[in-house]
PDB file of N, CA and C in Angstrom:
ATOM      1  N   MET A   1     -16.202  -4.970   2.131  1.00  0.00           N
ATOM      2  CA  MET A   1     -15.482  -4.484   0.977  1.00  0.00           C
ATOM      3  C   MET A   1     -15.452  -2.962   1.024  1.00  0.00           C
ATOM      4  N   SER A   2     -14.339  -2.374   0.692  1.00  0.00           N
ATOM      5  CA  SER A   2     -14.220  -0.922   0.772  1.00  0.00           C
ATOM      6  C   SER A   2     -14.838  -0.267  -0.446  1.00  0.00           C
ATOM      7  N   ASN A   3     -14.952   1.047  -0.363  1.00  0.00           N
ATOM      8  CA  ASN A   3     -15.469   1.817  -1.476  1.00  0.00           C
ATOM      9  C   ASN A   3     -14.347   2.342  -2.352  1.00  0.00           C
ATOM     10  N   ALA A   4     -13.168   1.722  -2.283  1.00  0.00           N
ATOM     11  CA  ALA A   4     -12.025   2.164  -3.073  1.00  0.00           C
ATOM     12  C   ALA A   4     -12.300   1.936  -4.544  1.00  0.00           C
ATOM     13  N   PRO A   5     -11.746   2.786  -5.389  1.00  0.00           N
ATOM     14  CA  PRO A   5     -11.983   2.642  -6.821  1.00  0.00           C
ATOM     15  C   PRO A   5     -11.360   1.354  -7.337  1.00  0.00           C
ATOM     16  N   THR A   6     -11.951   0.807  -8.391  1.00  0.00           N
ATOM     17  CA  THR A   6     -11.412  -0.409  -8.979  1.00  0.00           C
ATOM     18  C   THR A   6     -10.634  -0.132 -10.244  1.00  0.00           C
ATOM     19  N   THR A   7     -10.702   1.080 -10.738  1.00  0.00           N
ATOM     20  CA  THR A   7      -9.918   1.443 -11.911  1.00  0.00           C
ATOM     21  C   THR A   7      -9.238   2.765 -11.648  1.00  0.00           C
ATOM     22  N   GLY A   8      -8.221   3.052 -12.426  1.00  0.00           N
ATOM     23  CA  GLY A   8      -7.501   4.305 -12.228  1.00  0.00           C
ATOM     24  C   GLY A   8      -6.538   4.196 -11.061  1.00  0.00           C
ATOM     25  N   ALA A   9      -6.066   5.313 -10.617  1.00  0.00           N
ATOM     26  CA  ALA A   9      -5.072   5.345  -9.547  1.00  0.00           C
ATOM     27  C   ALA A   9      -5.685   4.951  -8.222  1.00  0.00           C
ATOM     28  N   ALA A  10      -4.865   4.353  -7.396  1.00  0.00           N
ATOM     29  CA  ALA A  10      -5.285   3.997  -6.046  1.00  0.00           C
ATOM     30  C   ALA A  10      -5.495   5.268  -5.245  1.00  0.00           C
ATOM     31  N   PRO A  11      -6.333   5.214  -4.200  1.00  0.00           N
ATOM     32  CA  PRO A  11      -6.557   6.416  -3.405  1.00  0.00           C
ATOM     33  C   PRO A  11      -5.247   6.943  -2.835  1.00  0.00           C
ATOM     34  N   ASN A  12      -5.033   8.228  -2.943  1.00  0.00           N
ATOM     35  CA  ASN A  12      -3.829   8.875  -2.412  1.00  0.00           C
ATOM     36  C   ASN A  12      -2.547   8.301  -3.006  1.00  0.00           C
ATOM     37  N   ALA A  13      -2.610   7.764  -4.198  1.00  0.00           N
ATOM     38  CA  ALA A  13      -1.429   7.170  -4.812  1.00  0.00           C
ATOM     39  C   ALA A  13      -0.361   8.227  -5.017  1.00  0.00           C
ATOM     40  N   PRO A  14       0.906   7.847  -4.851  1.00  0.00           N
ATOM     41  CA  PRO A  14       1.974   8.816  -5.046  1.00  0.00           C
ATOM     42  C   PRO A  14       2.030   9.244  -6.504  1.00  0.00           C
ATOM     43  N   THR A  15       2.325  10.510  -6.714  1.00  0.00           N
ATOM     44  CA  THR A  15       2.424  11.015  -8.076  1.00  0.00           C
ATOM     45  C   THR A  15       3.871  11.240  -8.468  1.00  0.00           C
ATOM     46  N   THR A  16       4.774  11.164  -7.522  1.00  0.00           N
ATOM     47  CA  THR A  16       6.193  11.328  -7.802  1.00  0.00           C
ATOM     48  C   THR A  16       6.962  10.296  -7.015  1.00  0.00           C
ATOM     49  N   GLY A  17       8.258  10.310  -7.144  1.00  0.00           N
ATOM     50  CA  GLY A  17       9.097   9.409  -6.390  1.00  0.00           C
ATOM     51  C   GLY A  17       9.379   9.922  -4.989  1.00  0.00           C
ATOM     52  N   ALA A  18       8.679  10.934  -4.572  1.00  0.00           N
ATOM     53  CA  ALA A  18       8.910  11.542  -3.264  1.00  0.00           C
ATOM     54  C   ALA A  18       8.556  10.582  -2.146  1.00  0.00           C
ATOM     55  N   ALA A  19       9.079  10.861  -0.980  1.00  0.00           N
ATOM     56  CA  ALA A  19       8.774  10.047   0.194  1.00  0.00           C
ATOM     57  C   ALA A  19       7.294  10.141   0.510  1.00  0.00           C
ATOM     58  N   PRO A  20       6.741   9.106   1.093  1.00  0.00           N
ATOM     59  CA  PRO A  20       5.322   9.109   1.412  1.00  0.00           C
ATOM     60  C   PRO A  20       4.980  10.235   2.371  1.00  0.00           C
ATOM     61  N   SER A  21       3.795  10.797   2.191  1.00  0.00           N
ATOM     62  CA  SER A  21       3.415  11.922   3.025  1.00  0.00           C
ATOM     63  C   SER A  21       2.149  11.650   3.823  1.00  0.00           C
ATOM     64  N   ASP A  22       1.546  10.498   3.637  1.00  0.00           N
ATOM     65  CA  ASP A  22       0.275  10.234   4.285  1.00  0.00           C
ATOM     66  C   ASP A  22       0.214   8.767   4.666  1.00  0.00           C
ATOM     67  N   GLU A  23      -0.182   8.488   5.889  1.00  0.00           N
ATOM     68  CA  GLU A  23      -0.231   7.105   6.345  1.00  0.00           C
ATOM     69  C   GLU A  23      -1.242   6.267   5.574  1.00  0.00           C
ATOM     70  N   ARG A  24      -2.159   6.874   4.847  1.00  0.00           N
ATOM     71  CA  ARG A  24      -3.142   6.126   4.060  1.00  0.00           C
ATOM     72  C   ARG A  24      -2.674   5.888   2.636  1.00  0.00           C
ATOM     73  N   GLU A  25      -1.510   6.322   2.299  1.00  0.00           N
ATOM     74  CA  GLU A  25      -0.977   6.113   0.955  1.00  0.00           C
ATOM     75  C   GLU A  25      -0.783   4.617   0.723  1.00  0.00           C
ATOM     76  N   PRO A  26      -1.265   4.099  -0.409  1.00  0.00           N
ATOM     77  CA  PRO A  26      -1.118   2.666  -0.680  1.00  0.00           C
ATOM     78  C   PRO A  26       0.350   2.248  -0.727  1.00  0.00           C
ATOM     79  N   LEU A  27       0.605   1.049  -0.274  1.00  0.00           N
ATOM     80  CA  LEU A  27       1.967   0.530  -0.325  1.00  0.00           C
ATOM     81  C   LEU A  27       2.332   0.031  -1.722  1.00  0.00           C
ATOM     82  N   LEU A  28       1.333  -0.391  -2.463  1.00  0.00           N
ATOM     83  CA  LEU A  28       1.571  -0.940  -3.796  1.00  0.00           C
ATOM     84  C   LEU A  28       1.407   0.130  -4.867  1.00  0.00           C
ATOM     85  N   PRO A  29       2.069  -0.065  -6.003  1.00  0.00           N
ATOM     86  CA  PRO A  29       1.836   0.836  -7.131  1.00  0.00           C
ATOM     87  C   PRO A  29       0.365   0.747  -7.553  1.00  0.00           C
ATOM     88  N   PRO A  30      -0.174   1.823  -8.112  1.00  0.00           N
ATOM     89  CA  PRO A  30      -1.587   1.823  -8.514  1.00  0.00           C
ATOM     90  C   PRO A  30      -1.976   0.660  -9.423  1.00  0.00           C
ATOM     91  N   SER A  31      -1.106   0.264 -10.326  1.00  0.00           N
ATOM     92  CA  SER A  31      -1.460  -0.838 -11.236  1.00  0.00           C
ATOM     93  C   SER A  31      -1.663  -2.152 -10.482  1.00  0.00           C
ATOM     94  N   GLU A  32      -0.790  -2.442  -9.521  1.00  0.00           N
ATOM     95  CA  GLU A  32      -0.938  -3.664  -8.721  1.00  0.00           C
ATOM     96  C   GLU A  32      -2.162  -3.578  -7.815  1.00  0.00           C
ATOM     97  N   TYR A  33      -2.345  -2.423  -7.200  1.00  0.00           N
ATOM     98  CA  TYR A  33      -3.504  -2.199  -6.342  1.00  0.00           C
ATOM     99  C   TYR A  33      -4.793  -2.430  -7.126  1.00  0.00           C
ATOM    100  N   ASP A  34      -4.868  -1.835  -8.303  1.00  0.00           N
ATOM    101  CA  ASP A  34      -6.065  -1.968  -9.140  1.00  0.00           C
ATOM    102  C   ASP A  34      -6.306  -3.419  -9.538  1.00  0.00           C
ATOM    103  N   LYS A  35      -5.241  -4.088  -9.961  1.00  0.00           N
ATOM    104  CA  LYS A  35      -5.372  -5.480 -10.414  1.00  0.00           C
ATOM    105  C   LYS A  35      -5.892  -6.383  -9.294  1.00  0.00           C
ATOM    106  N   LEU A  36      -5.296  -6.282  -8.120  1.00  0.00           N
ATOM    107  CA  LEU A  36      -5.708  -7.140  -7.005  1.00  0.00           C
ATOM    108  C   LEU A  36      -7.108  -6.788  -6.514  1.00  0.00           C
ATOM    109  N   THR A  37      -7.407  -5.500  -6.458  1.00  0.00           N
ATOM    110  CA  THR A  37      -8.735  -5.070  -6.023  1.00  0.00           C
ATOM    111  C   THR A  37      -9.808  -5.570  -6.986  1.00  0.00           C
ATOM    112  N   ARG A  38      -9.533  -5.449  -8.258  1.00  0.00           N
ATOM    113  CA  ARG A  38     -10.486  -5.896  -9.284  1.00  0.00           C
ATOM    114  C   ARG A  38     -10.730  -7.406  -9.175  1.00  0.00           C
ATOM    115  N   ARG A  39      -9.659  -8.170  -9.012  1.00  0.00           N
ATOM    116  CA  ARG A  39      -9.801  -9.628  -8.894  1.00  0.00           C
ATOM    117  C   ARG A  39     -10.570 -10.018  -7.643  1.00  0.00           C
ATOM    118  N   LEU A  40     -10.320  -9.327  -6.536  1.00  0.00           N
ATOM    119  CA  LEU A  40     -11.046  -9.641  -5.305  1.00  0.00           C
ATOM    120  C   LEU A  40     -12.528  -9.311  -5.454  1.00  0.00           C
ATOM    121  N   GLU A  41     -12.828  -8.195  -6.056  1.00  0.00           N
ATOM    122  CA  GLU A  41     -14.232  -7.830  -6.276  1.00  0.00           C
ATOM    123  C   GLU A  41     -14.919  -8.828  -7.203  1.00  0.00           C
ATOM    124  N   GLN A  42     -14.211  -9.307  -8.225  1.00  0.00           N
ATOM    125  CA  GLN A  42     -14.781 -10.314  -9.120  1.00  0.00           C
ATOM    126  C   GLN A  42     -15.061 -11.611  -8.366  1.00  0.00           C
ATOM    127  N   ALA A  43     -14.180 -11.958  -7.450  1.00  0.00           N
ATOM    128  CA  ALA A  43     -14.400 -13.167  -6.642  1.00  0.00           C
ATOM    129  C   ALA A  43     -15.646 -13.017  -5.784  1.00  0.00           C
ATOM    130  N   VAL A  44     -15.834 -11.859  -5.193  1.00  0.00           N
ATOM    131  CA  VAL A  44     -17.020 -11.613  -4.363  1.00  0.00           C
ATOM    132  C   VAL A  44     -18.293 -11.738  -5.203  1.00  0.00           C
ATOM    133  N   VAL A  45     -18.276 -11.155  -6.386  1.00  0.00           N
ATOM    134  CA  VAL A  45     -19.441 -11.220  -7.275  1.00  0.00           C
ATOM    135  C   VAL A  45     -19.698 -12.669  -7.709  1.00  0.00           C
ATOM    136  N   ALA A  46     -18.646 -13.427  -7.956  1.00  0.00           N
ATOM    137  CA  ALA A  46     -18.783 -14.804  -8.441  1.00  0.00           C
ATOM    138  C   ALA A  46     -19.252 -15.769  -7.357  1.00  0.00           C
ATOM    139  N   PHE A  47     -19.225 -15.336  -6.111  1.00  0.00           N
ATOM    140  CA  PHE A  47     -19.543 -16.246  -5.003  1.00  0.00           C
ATOM    141  C   PHE A  47     -20.914 -16.903  -5.144  1.00  0.00           C
ATOM    142  N   VAL A  48     -21.902 -16.177  -5.584  1.00  0.00           N
ATOM    143  CA  VAL A  48     -23.258 -16.711  -5.690  1.00  0.00           C
ATOM    144  C   VAL A  48     -23.302 -17.933  -6.614  1.00  0.00           C
ATOM    145  N   ASP A  49     -22.627 -17.843  -7.746  1.00  0.00           N
ATOM    146  CA  ASP A  49     -22.664 -18.934  -8.719  1.00  0.00           C
ATOM    147  C   ASP A  49     -21.591 -19.991  -8.497  1.00  0.00           C
ATOM    148  N   ARG A  50     -20.439 -19.575  -7.986  1.00  0.00           N
ATOM    149  CA  ARG A  50     -19.314 -20.505  -7.811  1.00  0.00           C
ATOM    150  C   ARG A  50     -18.600 -20.221  -6.491  1.00  0.00           C
ATOM    151  N   PRO A  51     -19.203 -20.586  -5.369  1.00  0.00           N
ATOM    152  CA  PRO A  51     -18.629 -20.214  -4.071  1.00  0.00           C
ATOM    153  C   PRO A  51     -17.213 -20.748  -3.834  1.00  0.00           C
ATOM    154  N   ARG A  52     -16.969 -22.001  -4.147  1.00  0.00           N
ATOM    155  CA  ARG A  52     -15.629 -22.553  -3.900  1.00  0.00           C
ATOM    156  C   ARG A  52     -14.581 -21.844  -4.744  1.00  0.00           C
ATOM    157  N   GLN A  53     -14.844 -21.644  -6.016  1.00  0.00           N
ATOM    158  CA  GLN A  53     -13.886 -20.973  -6.897  1.00  0.00           C
ATOM    159  C   GLN A  53     -13.676 -19.522  -6.457  1.00  0.00           C
ATOM    160  N   ALA A  54     -14.734 -18.893  -5.973  1.00  0.00           N
ATOM    161  CA  ALA A  54     -14.616 -17.512  -5.499  1.00  0.00           C
ATOM    162  C   ALA A  54     -13.673 -17.431  -4.308  1.00  0.00           C
ATOM    163  N   VAL A  55     -13.825 -18.358  -3.377  1.00  0.00           N
ATOM    164  CA  VAL A  55     -12.953 -18.362  -2.189  1.00  0.00           C
ATOM    165  C   VAL A  55     -11.527 -18.730  -2.583  1.00  0.00           C
ATOM    166  N   GLU A  56     -11.368 -19.654  -3.515  1.00  0.00           N
ATOM    167  CA  GLU A  56     -10.025 -20.007  -3.996  1.00  0.00           C
ATOM    168  C   GLU A  56      -9.347 -18.795  -4.641  1.00  0.00           C
ATOM    169  N   GLU A  57     -10.115 -18.032  -5.420  1.00  0.00           N
ATOM    170  CA  GLU A  57      -9.553 -16.825  -6.044  1.00  0.00           C
ATOM    171  C   GLU A  57      -9.178 -15.788  -4.987  1.00  0.00           C
ATOM    172  N   ALA A  58     -10.031 -15.616  -3.993  1.00  0.00           N
ATOM    173  CA  ALA A  58      -9.708 -14.677  -2.905  1.00  0.00           C
ATOM    174  C   ALA A  58      -8.433 -15.117  -2.191  1.00  0.00           C
ATOM    175  N   ASP A  59      -8.260 -16.406  -1.990  1.00  0.00           N
ATOM    176  CA  ASP A  59      -7.053 -16.933  -1.362  1.00  0.00           C
ATOM    177  C   ASP A  59      -5.821 -16.643  -2.217  1.00  0.00           C
ATOM    178  N   THR A  60      -5.964 -16.797  -3.522  1.00  0.00           N
ATOM    179  CA  THR A  60      -4.857 -16.520  -4.443  1.00  0.00           C
ATOM    180  C   THR A  60      -4.486 -15.037  -4.430  1.00  0.00           C
ATOM    181  N   VAL A  61      -5.494 -14.176  -4.423  1.00  0.00           N
ATOM    182  CA  VAL A  61      -5.243 -12.737  -4.356  1.00  0.00           C
ATOM    183  C   VAL A  61      -4.493 -12.398  -3.073  1.00  0.00           C
ATOM    184  N   TYR A  62      -4.930 -12.965  -1.968  1.00  0.00           N
ATOM    185  CA  TYR A  62      -4.274 -12.728  -0.671  1.00  0.00           C
ATOM    186  C   TYR A  62      -2.816 -13.199  -0.723  1.00  0.00           C
ATOM    187  N   GLU A  63      -2.597 -14.381  -1.284  1.00  0.00           N
ATOM    188  CA  GLU A  63      -1.243 -14.925  -1.385  1.00  0.00           C
ATOM    189  C   GLU A  63      -0.342 -14.015  -2.222  1.00  0.00           C
ATOM    190  N   GLU A  64      -0.865 -13.531  -3.342  1.00  0.00           N
ATOM    191  CA  GLU A  64      -0.086 -12.642  -4.195  1.00  0.00           C
ATOM    192  C   GLU A  64       0.224 -11.323  -3.493  1.00  0.00           C
ATOM    193  N   LEU A  65      -0.745 -10.791  -2.781  1.00  0.00           N
ATOM    194  CA  LEU A  65      -0.519  -9.564  -2.021  1.00  0.00           C
ATOM    195  C   LEU A  65       0.555  -9.774  -0.965  1.00  0.00           C
ATOM    196  N   ALA A  66       0.463 -10.880  -0.239  1.00  0.00           N
ATOM    197  CA  ALA A  66       1.459 -11.172   0.797  1.00  0.00           C
ATOM    198  C   ALA A  66       2.856 -11.284   0.200  1.00  0.00           C
ATOM    199  N   ALA A  67       2.966 -11.811  -1.009  1.00  0.00           N
ATOM    200  CA  ALA A  67       4.269 -11.930  -1.669  1.00  0.00           C
ATOM    201  C   ALA A  67       4.813 -10.575  -2.106  1.00  0.00           C
ATOM    202  N   LEU A  68       3.929  -9.634  -2.424  1.00  0.00           N
ATOM    203  CA  LEU A  68       4.354  -8.306  -2.867  1.00  0.00           C
ATOM    204  C   LEU A  68       4.751  -7.389  -1.710  1.00  0.00           C
ATOM    205  N   LEU A  69       4.240  -7.655  -0.529  1.00  0.00           N
ATOM    206  CA  LEU A  69       4.452  -6.742   0.598  1.00  0.00           C
ATOM    207  C   LEU A  69       5.912  -6.552   1.014  1.00  0.00           C
ATOM    208  N   PRO A  70       6.747  -7.592   1.094  1.00  0.00           N
ATOM    209  CA  PRO A  70       8.127  -7.340   1.533  1.00  0.00           C
ATOM    210  C   PRO A  70       8.855  -6.300   0.679  1.00  0.00           C
ATOM    211  N   GLU A  71       8.746  -6.404  -0.638  1.00  0.00           N
ATOM    212  CA  GLU A  71       9.420  -5.418  -1.495  1.00  0.00           C
ATOM    213  C   GLU A  71       8.766  -4.048  -1.378  1.00  0.00           C
ATOM    214  N   ALA A  72       7.445  -4.017  -1.264  1.00  0.00           N
ATOM    215  CA  ALA A  72       6.747  -2.739  -1.114  1.00  0.00           C
ATOM    216  C   ALA A  72       7.181  -2.046   0.180  1.00  0.00           C
ATOM    217  N   LEU A  73       7.307  -2.809   1.249  1.00  0.00           N
ATOM    218  CA  LEU A  73       7.747  -2.231   2.521  1.00  0.00           C
ATOM    219  C   LEU A  73       9.203  -1.777   2.448  1.00  0.00           C
ATOM    220  N   ALA A  74      10.037  -2.562   1.777  1.00  0.00           N
ATOM    221  CA  ALA A  74      11.443  -2.176   1.618  1.00  0.00           C
ATOM    222  C   ALA A  74      11.558  -0.892   0.793  1.00  0.00           C
ATOM    223  N   ALA A  75      10.758  -0.773  -0.259  1.00  0.00           N
ATOM    224  CA  ALA A  75      10.783   0.443  -1.084  1.00  0.00           C
ATOM    225  C   ALA A  75      10.322   1.642  -0.270  1.00  0.00           C
ATOM    226  N   ARG A  76       9.288   1.462   0.542  1.00  0.00           N
ATOM    227  CA  ARG A  76       8.800   2.559   1.384  1.00  0.00           C
ATOM    228  C   ARG A  76       9.888   2.962   2.367  1.00  0.00           C
ATOM    229  N   ARG A  77      10.589   2.000   2.942  1.00  0.00           N
ATOM    230  CA  ARG A  77      11.662   2.326   3.885  1.00  0.00           C
ATOM    231  C   ARG A  77      12.786   3.090   3.185  1.00  0.00           C
ATOM    232  N   ARG A  78      13.136   2.669   1.985  1.00  0.00           N
ATOM    233  CA  ARG A  78      14.187   3.395   1.235  1.00  0.00           C
ATOM    234  C   ARG A  78      13.775   4.844   0.997  1.00  0.00           C
ATOM    235  N   ALA A  79      12.512   5.050   0.623  1.00  0.00           N
ATOM    236  CA  ALA A  79      12.025   6.412   0.378  1.00  0.00           C
ATOM    237  C   ALA A  79      12.040   7.228   1.665  1.00  0.00           C
ATOM    238  N   LEU A  80      11.608   6.623   2.751  1.00  0.00           N
ATOM    239  CA  LEU A  80      11.627   7.330   4.037  1.00  0.00           C
ATOM    240  C   LEU A  80      13.052   7.681   4.440  1.00  0.00           C
ATOM    241  N   ARG A  81      13.925   6.710   4.318  1.00  0.00           N
ATOM    242  CA  ARG A  81      15.313   6.933   4.726  1.00  0.00           C
ATOM    243  C   ARG A  81      15.962   8.032   3.887  1.00  0.00           C
ATOM    244  N   THR A  82      15.717   8.016   2.593  1.00  0.00           N
ATOM    245  CA  THR A  82      16.266   9.044   1.709  1.00  0.00           C
ATOM    246  C   THR A  82      15.760  10.424   2.104  1.00  0.00           C
ATOM    247  N   SER A  83      14.498  10.494   2.553  1.00  0.00           N
ATOM    248  CA  SER A  83      13.903  11.788   2.887  1.00  0.00           C
ATOM    249  C   SER A  83      14.630  12.497   4.028  1.00  0.00           C
ATOM    250  N   TRP A  84      15.236  11.747   4.925  1.00  0.00           N
ATOM    251  CA  TRP A  84      15.927  12.421   6.025  1.00  0.00           C
ATOM    252  C   TRP A  84      17.439  12.320   5.931  1.00  0.00           C
ATOM    253  N   GLU A  85      17.971  11.307   5.258  1.00  0.00           N
ATOM    254  CA  GLU A  85      19.422  11.185   5.153  1.00  0.00           C
ATOM    255  C   GLU A  85      20.036  12.242   4.242  1.00  0.00           C
ATOM    256  N   THR A  86      19.270  12.745   3.298  1.00  0.00           N
ATOM    257  CA  THR A  86      19.821  13.708   2.345  1.00  0.00           C
ATOM    258  C   THR A  86      19.826  15.133   2.883  1.00  0.00           C
ATOM    259  N   HIS A  87      19.255  15.362   4.057  1.00  0.00           N
ATOM    260  CA  HIS A  87      19.230  16.698   4.638  1.00  0.00           C
ATOM    261  C   HIS A  87      20.404  16.886   5.600  1.00  0.00           C
ATOM    262  N   GLU A  88      20.752  18.132   5.782  1.00  0.00           N
ATOM    263  CA  GLU A  88      21.793  18.457   6.743  1.00  0.00           C
ATOM    264  C   GLU A  88      21.340  18.055   8.142  1.00  0.00           C
ATOM    265  N   SER A  89      22.275  17.758   8.998  1.00  0.00           N
ATOM    266  CA  SER A  89      21.942  17.274  10.340  1.00  0.00           C
ATOM    267  C   SER A  89      21.137  18.286  11.149  1.00  0.00           C
ATOM    268  N   GLY A  90      21.197  19.554  10.800  1.00  0.00           N
ATOM    269  CA  GLY A  90      20.482  20.567  11.565  1.00  0.00           C
ATOM    270  C   GLY A  90      19.055  20.815  11.107  1.00  0.00           C
ATOM    271  N   GLU A  91      18.587  20.120  10.099  1.00  0.00           N
ATOM    272  CA  GLU A  91      17.248  20.348   9.578  1.00  0.00           C
ATOM    273  C   GLU A  91      16.219  19.575  10.391  1.00  0.00           C
ATOM    274  N   THR A  92      15.853  20.162  11.502  1.00  0.00           N
ATOM    275  CA  THR A  92      14.924  19.520  12.426  1.00  0.00           C
ATOM    276  C   THR A  92      13.562  19.261  11.801  1.00  0.00           C
ATOM    277  N   GLU A  93      13.100  20.153  10.958  1.00  0.00           N
ATOM    278  CA  GLU A  93      11.773  19.970  10.347  1.00  0.00           C
ATOM    279  C   GLU A  93      11.732  18.717   9.481  1.00  0.00           C
ATOM    280  N   ALA A  94      12.768  18.477   8.689  1.00  0.00           N
ATOM    281  CA  ALA A  94      12.818  17.276   7.857  1.00  0.00           C
ATOM    282  C   ALA A  94      12.824  16.022   8.733  1.00  0.00           C
ATOM    283  N   LEU A  95      13.535  16.090   9.826  1.00  0.00           N
ATOM    284  CA  LEU A  95      13.582  14.953  10.754  1.00  0.00           C
ATOM    285  C   LEU A  95      12.233  14.741  11.437  1.00  0.00           C
ATOM    286  N   ARG A  96      11.550  15.820  11.781  1.00  0.00           N
ATOM    287  CA  ARG A  96      10.229  15.718  12.401  1.00  0.00           C
ATOM    288  C   ARG A  96       9.243  15.055  11.448  1.00  0.00           C
ATOM    289  N   ILE A  97       9.278  15.470  10.192  1.00  0.00           N
ATOM    290  CA  ILE A  97       8.385  14.885   9.189  1.00  0.00           C
ATOM    291  C   ILE A  97       8.710  13.407   8.987  1.00  0.00           C
ATOM    292  N   ALA A  98       9.984  13.083   8.924  1.00  0.00           N
ATOM    293  CA  ALA A  98      10.383  11.681   8.764  1.00  0.00           C
ATOM    294  C   ALA A  98       9.899  10.842   9.938  1.00  0.00           C
ATOM    295  N   LEU A  99      10.059  11.354  11.143  1.00  0.00           N
ATOM    296  CA  LEU A  99       9.598  10.610  12.321  1.00  0.00           C
ATOM    297  C   LEU A  99       8.093  10.396  12.273  1.00  0.00           C
ATOM    298  N   ARG A 100       7.353  11.433  11.887  1.00  0.00           N
ATOM    299  CA  ARG A 100       5.901  11.298  11.774  1.00  0.00           C
ATOM    300  C   ARG A 100       5.533  10.229  10.750  1.00  0.00           C
ATOM    301  N   ARG A 101       6.232  10.200   9.629  1.00  0.00           N
ATOM    302  CA  ARG A 101       5.950   9.196   8.586  1.00  0.00           C
ATOM    303  C   ARG A 101       6.262   7.782   9.079  1.00  0.00           C
ATOM    304  N   TYR A 102       7.379   7.625   9.769  1.00  0.00           N
ATOM    305  CA  TYR A 102       7.704   6.311  10.341  1.00  0.00           C
ATOM    306  C   TYR A 102       6.617   5.884  11.337  1.00  0.00           C
ATOM    307  N   ARG A 103       6.234   6.797  12.203  1.00  0.00           N
ATOM    308  CA  ARG A 103       5.199   6.494  13.190  1.00  0.00           C
ATOM    309  C   ARG A 103       3.886   6.118  12.520  1.00  0.00           C
ATOM    310  N   ASP A 104       3.461   6.896  11.535  1.00  0.00           N
ATOM    311  CA  ASP A 104       2.194   6.630  10.856  1.00  0.00           C
ATOM    312  C   ASP A 104       2.207   5.268  10.166  1.00  0.00           C
ATOM    313  N   LEU A 105       3.252   4.976   9.438  1.00  0.00           N
ATOM    314  CA  LEU A 105       3.309   3.718   8.718  1.00  0.00           C
ATOM    315  C   LEU A 105       3.423   2.530   9.682  1.00  0.00           C
ATOM    316  N   THR A 106       4.226   2.674  10.711  1.00  0.00           N
ATOM    317  CA  THR A 106       4.375   1.585  11.674  1.00  0.00           C
ATOM    318  C   THR A 106       3.057   1.330  12.399  1.00  0.00           C
ATOM    319  N   THR A 107       2.364   2.375  12.786  1.00  0.00           N
ATOM    320  CA  THR A 107       1.061   2.221  13.435  1.00  0.00           C
ATOM    321  C   THR A 107       0.086   1.524  12.499  1.00  0.00           C
ATOM    322  N   ARG A 108       0.091   1.922  11.256  1.00  0.00           N
ATOM    323  CA  ARG A 108      -0.780   1.293  10.250  1.00  0.00           C
ATOM    324  C   ARG A 108      -0.488  -0.200  10.134  1.00  0.00           C
ATOM    325  N   LEU A 109       0.786  -0.563  10.080  1.00  0.00           N
ATOM    326  CA  LEU A 109       1.156  -1.970   9.969  1.00  0.00           C
ATOM    327  C   LEU A 109       0.796  -2.761  11.228  1.00  0.00           C
ATOM    328  N   LEU A 110       0.960  -2.146  12.369  1.00  0.00           N
ATOM    329  CA  LEU A 110       0.634  -2.825  13.625  1.00  0.00           C
ATOM    330  C   LEU A 110      -0.849  -3.094  13.786  1.00  0.00           C
ATOM    331  N   THR A 111      -1.688  -2.352  13.074  1.00  0.00           N
ATOM    332  CA  THR A 111      -3.131  -2.537  13.205  1.00  0.00           C
ATOM    333  C   THR A 111      -3.729  -3.376  12.084  1.00  0.00           C
ATOM    334  N   LEU A 112      -2.890  -3.978  11.257  1.00  0.00           N
ATOM    335  CA  LEU A 112      -3.410  -4.860  10.197  1.00  0.00           C
ATOM    336  C   LEU A 112      -4.015  -6.108  10.801  1.00  0.00           C
TER     337      LEU A 112
END
């Protein structure tokens, strides 16, 4: 289990609608991240007294997360695409940053 916070904003959560700037930025909004993290931690704590129910809850959390990922990934792609499509074709720095963000996120996904 990670040392991520269970309340408040997710680590490195975006504060604006800007394109992602860090490969460790959560894919989910802080509220969803917090809710799922809290439920998973509760399942871990409940394991001692109710092991089957704890594992069932962990399975449900995983299923819900898997269902949220396609839209979260699509939203991230829209933000990335907007970050470079709105610049003039000669803005190499904006394109370099966009490429780095694509690389970081793709690498992160490939190592899941």
